[in-house]
C-alpha atoms as a PDB file:
ATOM      1  CA  MET A   1     139.160 165.488 137.485  1.00  0.00           C
ATOM      2  CA  LYS A   2     138.006 162.767 134.958  1.00  0.00           C
ATOM      3  CA  SER A   3     134.803 160.554 134.853  1.00  0.00           C
ATOM      4  CA  PHE A   4     135.725 156.868 134.454  1.00  0.00           C
ATOM      5  CA  LYS A   5     133.951 157.007 131.290  1.00  0.00           C
ATOM      6  CA  GLN A   6     136.291 159.142 130.060  1.00  0.00           C
ATOM      7  CA  PHE A   7     139.414 157.856 131.350  1.00  0.00           C
ATOM      8  CA  HIS A   8     137.471 154.673 129.403  1.00  0.00           C
ATOM      9  CA  GLU A   9     137.995 156.372 126.393  1.00  0.00           C
ATOM     10  CA  ALA A  10     141.199 157.764 126.509  1.00  0.00           C
ATOM     11  CA  ALA A  11     142.657 154.532 127.359  1.00  0.00           C
ATOM     12  CA  ILE A  12     141.322 153.304 124.476  1.00  0.00           C
ATOM     13  CA  ALA A  13     142.502 156.034 122.338  1.00  0.00           C
ATOM     14  CA  ALA A  14     146.353 155.941 123.442  1.00  0.00           C
ATOM     15  CA  PRO A  15     147.418 153.106 121.609  1.00  0.00           C
ATOM     16  CA  LEU A  16     145.718 154.313 118.561  1.00  0.00           C
ATOM     17  CA  VAL A  17     147.464 157.971 118.220  1.00  0.00           C
ATOM     18  CA  GLY A  18     150.349 156.558 116.510  1.00  0.00           C
ATOM     19  CA  ALA A  19     148.924 153.692 115.162  1.00  0.00           C
ATOM     20  CA  GLY A  20     148.748 152.768 111.441  1.00  0.00           C
ATOM     21  CA  VAL A  21     145.784 151.879 109.246  1.00  0.00           C
ATOM     22  CA  LYS A  22     146.095 148.383 109.788  1.00  0.00           C
ATOM     23  CA  THR A  23     145.683 148.740 112.791  1.00  0.00           C
ATOM     24  CA  LEU A  24     142.527 150.764 113.309  1.00  0.00           C
ATOM     25  CA  LEU A  25     140.741 148.524 110.405  1.00  0.00           C
ATOM     26  CA  LYS A  26     141.599 145.484 112.820  1.00  0.00           C
ATOM     27  CA  VAL A  27     140.356 147.450 116.259  1.00  0.00           C
ATOM     28  CA  GLY A  28     137.451 148.853 114.663  1.00  0.00           C
ATOM     29  CA  GLY A  29     136.495 145.186 113.046  1.00  0.00           C
ATOM     30  CA  ALA A  30     137.078 143.779 117.367  1.00  0.00           C
ATOM     31  CA  TYR A  31     134.617 146.700 118.769  1.00  0.00           C
ATOM     32  CA  ALA A  32     131.428 145.826 115.560  1.00  0.00           C
ATOM     33  CA  ALA A  33     132.695 142.095 116.044  1.00  0.00           C
ATOM     34  CA  ALA A  34     131.447 142.412 120.169  1.00  0.00           C
ATOM     35  CA  LYS A  35     128.826 145.044 119.333  1.00  0.00           C
ATOM     36  CA  GLY A  36     127.325 142.197 117.002  1.00  0.00           C
ATOM     37  CA  GLY A  37     127.391 139.956 119.602  1.00  0.00           C
ATOM     38  CA  GLU A  38     126.271 141.820 122.082  1.00  0.00           C
ATOM     39  CA  LYS A  39     123.232 142.385 119.669  1.00  0.00           C
ATOM     40  CA  ILE A  40     122.455 138.522 119.054  1.00  0.00           C
ATOM     41  CA  LEU A  41     122.860 137.744 122.627  1.00  0.00           C
ATOM     42  CA  LYS A  42     120.012 140.634 123.452  1.00  0.00           C
ATOM     43  CA  ASP A  43     117.871 139.323 120.485  1.00  0.00           C
ATOM     44  CA  LEU A  44     117.972 135.448 121.908  1.00  0.00           C
ATOM     45  CA  LEU A  45     118.063 135.988 125.754  1.00  0.00           C
ATOM     46  CA  GLY A  46     116.608 139.620 126.046  1.00  0.00           C
ATOM     47  CA  THR A  47     117.528 142.104 128.814  1.00  0.00           C
ATOM     48  CA  PRO A  48     117.550 141.647 132.552  1.00  0.00           C
ATOM     49  CA  SER A  49     114.838 143.811 132.415  1.00  0.00           C
ATOM     50  CA  ARG A  50     113.055 142.124 129.646  1.00  0.00           C
ATOM     51  CA  PRO A  51     114.017 138.445 129.614  1.00  0.00           C
ATOM     52  CA  LYS A  52     112.896 136.307 126.473  1.00  0.00           C
ATOM     53  CA  ASP A  53     110.230 133.045 126.596  1.00  0.00           C
ATOM     54  CA  THR A  54     112.571 130.815 126.074  1.00  0.00           C
ATOM     55  CA  ASN A  55     110.383 127.495 126.841  1.00  0.00           C
ATOM     56  CA  TRP A  56     111.124 125.749 123.115  1.00  0.00           C
ATOM     57  CA  VAL A  57     107.354 123.377 123.469  1.00  0.00           C
ATOM     58  CA  LYS A  58     105.231 126.760 123.052  1.00  0.00           C
ATOM     59  CA  ASN A  59     107.937 128.461 120.975  1.00  0.00           C
ATOM     60  CA  PRO A  60     109.966 126.512 118.924  1.00  0.00           C
ATOM     61  CA  LYS A  61     112.864 128.345 118.042  1.00  0.00           C
ATOM     62  CA  ASP A  62     113.392 126.118 114.637  1.00  0.00           C
ATOM     63  CA  LYS A  63     111.894 123.410 112.533  1.00  0.00           C
ATOM     64  CA  VAL A  64     113.953 120.585 114.994  1.00  0.00           C
ATOM     65  CA  ASP A  65     112.783 121.706 118.300  1.00  0.00           C
ATOM     66  CA  ASP A  66     109.060 121.571 116.576  1.00  0.00           C
ATOM     67  CA  GLU A  67     109.608 118.286 114.949  1.00  0.00           C
ATOM     68  CA  LEU A  68     110.586 117.082 118.416  1.00  0.00           C
ATOM     69  CA  ASN A  69     108.163 118.415 120.346  1.00  0.00           C
ATOM     70  CA  VAL A  70     105.652 116.559 118.083  1.00  0.00           C
ATOM     71  CA  ARG A  71     107.343 113.398 118.657  1.00  0.00           C
ATOM     72  CA  GLN A  72     107.446 113.578 122.314  1.00  0.00           C
ATOM     73  CA  GLY A  73     103.624 114.313 121.910  1.00  0.00           C
ATOM     74  CA  GLN A  74     102.562 111.317 120.007  1.00  0.00           C
ATOM     75  CA  ALA A  75     105.184 109.011 122.609  1.00  0.00           C
ATOM     76  CA  LYS A  76     102.819 110.866 125.947  1.00  0.00           C
ATOM     77  CA  ASP A  77      99.706 109.763 123.571  1.00  0.00           C
ATOM     78  CA  LYS A  78     100.921 106.417 123.004  1.00  0.00           C
ATOM     79  CA  ALA A  79     101.750 105.496 126.871  1.00  0.00           C
ATOM     80  CA  LYS A  80      98.085 107.212 127.209  1.00  0.00           C
ATOM     81  CA  ASN A  81      96.187 104.676 124.903  1.00  0.00           C
ATOM     82  CA  LYS A  82      98.268 101.590 126.105  1.00  0.00           C
ATOM     83  CA  ASP A  83      95.438  99.863 127.552  1.00  0.00           C
ATOM     84  CA  PHE A  84      93.288 100.575 124.478  1.00  0.00           C
ATOM     85  CA  ASP A  85      96.288  99.132 121.648  1.00  0.00           C
ATOM     86  CA  SER A  86      97.138  95.882 123.554  1.00  0.00           C
ATOM     87  CA  GLU A  87      93.316  95.222 124.067  1.00  0.00           C
ATOM     88  CA  MET A  88      92.773  95.838 120.127  1.00  0.00           C
ATOM     89  CA  LYS A  89      95.855  94.088 119.439  1.00  0.00           C
ATOM     90  CA  ALA A  90      94.513  90.903 121.175  1.00  0.00           C
ATOM     91  CA  TYR A  91      90.641  91.373 119.637  1.00  0.00           C
ATOM     92  CA  ARG A  92      92.376  90.969 115.671  1.00  0.00           C
ATOM     93  CA  LYS A  93      95.149  88.715 116.752  1.00  0.00           C
ATOM     94  CA  GLY A  94      92.128  85.787 117.635  1.00  0.00           C
ATOM     95  CA  LYS A  95      88.869  87.680 115.644  1.00  0.00           C
ATOM     96  CA  LYS A  96      88.621  84.247 113.990  1.00  0.00           C
ATOM     97  CA  ASN A  97      88.353  82.384 117.288  1.00  0.00           C
ATOM     98  CA  LEU A  98      85.822  84.370 118.381  1.00  0.00           C
ATOM     99  CA  SER A  99      81.941  83.902 118.051  1.00  0.00           C
ATOM    100  CA  PRO A 100      80.100  87.386 116.232  1.00  0.00           C
ATOM    101  CA  GLU A 101      78.629  87.936 120.058  1.00  0.00           C
ATOM    102  CA  ASP A 102      81.779  87.631 121.664  1.00  0.00           C
ATOM    103  CA  GLN A 103      83.729  89.606 118.573  1.00  0.00           C
ATOM    104  CA  VAL A 104      80.921  92.601 119.940  1.00  0.00           C
ATOM    105  CA  GLN A 105      81.948  91.805 123.615  1.00  0.00           C
ATOM    106  CA  ARG A 106      85.538  92.716 122.953  1.00  0.00           C
ATOM    107  CA  LEU A 107      84.941  95.759 121.127  1.00  0.00           C
ATOM    108  CA  LYS A 108      82.928  97.601 123.886  1.00  0.00           C
ATOM    109  CA  ASP A 109      85.434  96.231 126.518  1.00  0.00           C
ATOM    110  CA  ALA A 110      88.104  97.884 124.251  1.00  0.00           C
ATOM    111  CA  ALA A 111      85.649 101.086 123.867  1.00  0.00           C
ATOM    112  CA  ALA A 112      85.616 101.305 127.675  1.00  0.00           C
ATOM    113  CA  LYS A 113      89.355 101.529 128.186  1.00  0.00           C
ATOM    114  CA  HIS A 114      89.646 104.160 125.169  1.00  0.00           C
ATOM    115  CA  ARG A 115      90.609 108.045 126.257  1.00  0.00           C
ATOM    116  CA  LYS A 116      87.765 109.884 125.043  1.00  0.00           C
ATOM    117  CA  ASN A 117      88.840 113.172 122.852  1.00  0.00           C
ATOM    118  CA  LYS A 118      88.208 116.360 124.817  1.00  0.00           C
ATOM    119  CA  LYS A 119      87.012 118.358 121.518  1.00  0.00           C
END
C-alpha cells in the first residue's frame, strides 16, 4: 500500500509522463513560483512556531512607515503641549501692551504649564 506522499507524487507525475518540453517547463515554473511565494510569506510573517513581530512602530518595514511614525509622534507632542503653546501665542500677540513685570509673570505662568523634558 502506498503512503499518502507517494500517492500524491504519483498523481502529480502521471499527467507529465506523455507531456512535452513546454508543458514540463510551465509546470516547473509554477512549482518554483509556489515555492518562492511560500518563502516570501515565511520571511514576512514567520512560521507558526516562530511568528515575526509585526509591530510596525518598533520595527518599521519601510521609509513610509518610519515617516508616519515620526508624524504621529509629532501630533502627540503637539496635543500634550497645547496649553503651553496657546499661552505663548497669547503672550506674543499682547507683548507690546504689557509692562515688563507683567511680561515676566506671563512667561512664568507659561513655563509652569510646559511639559518637562524627561532626559
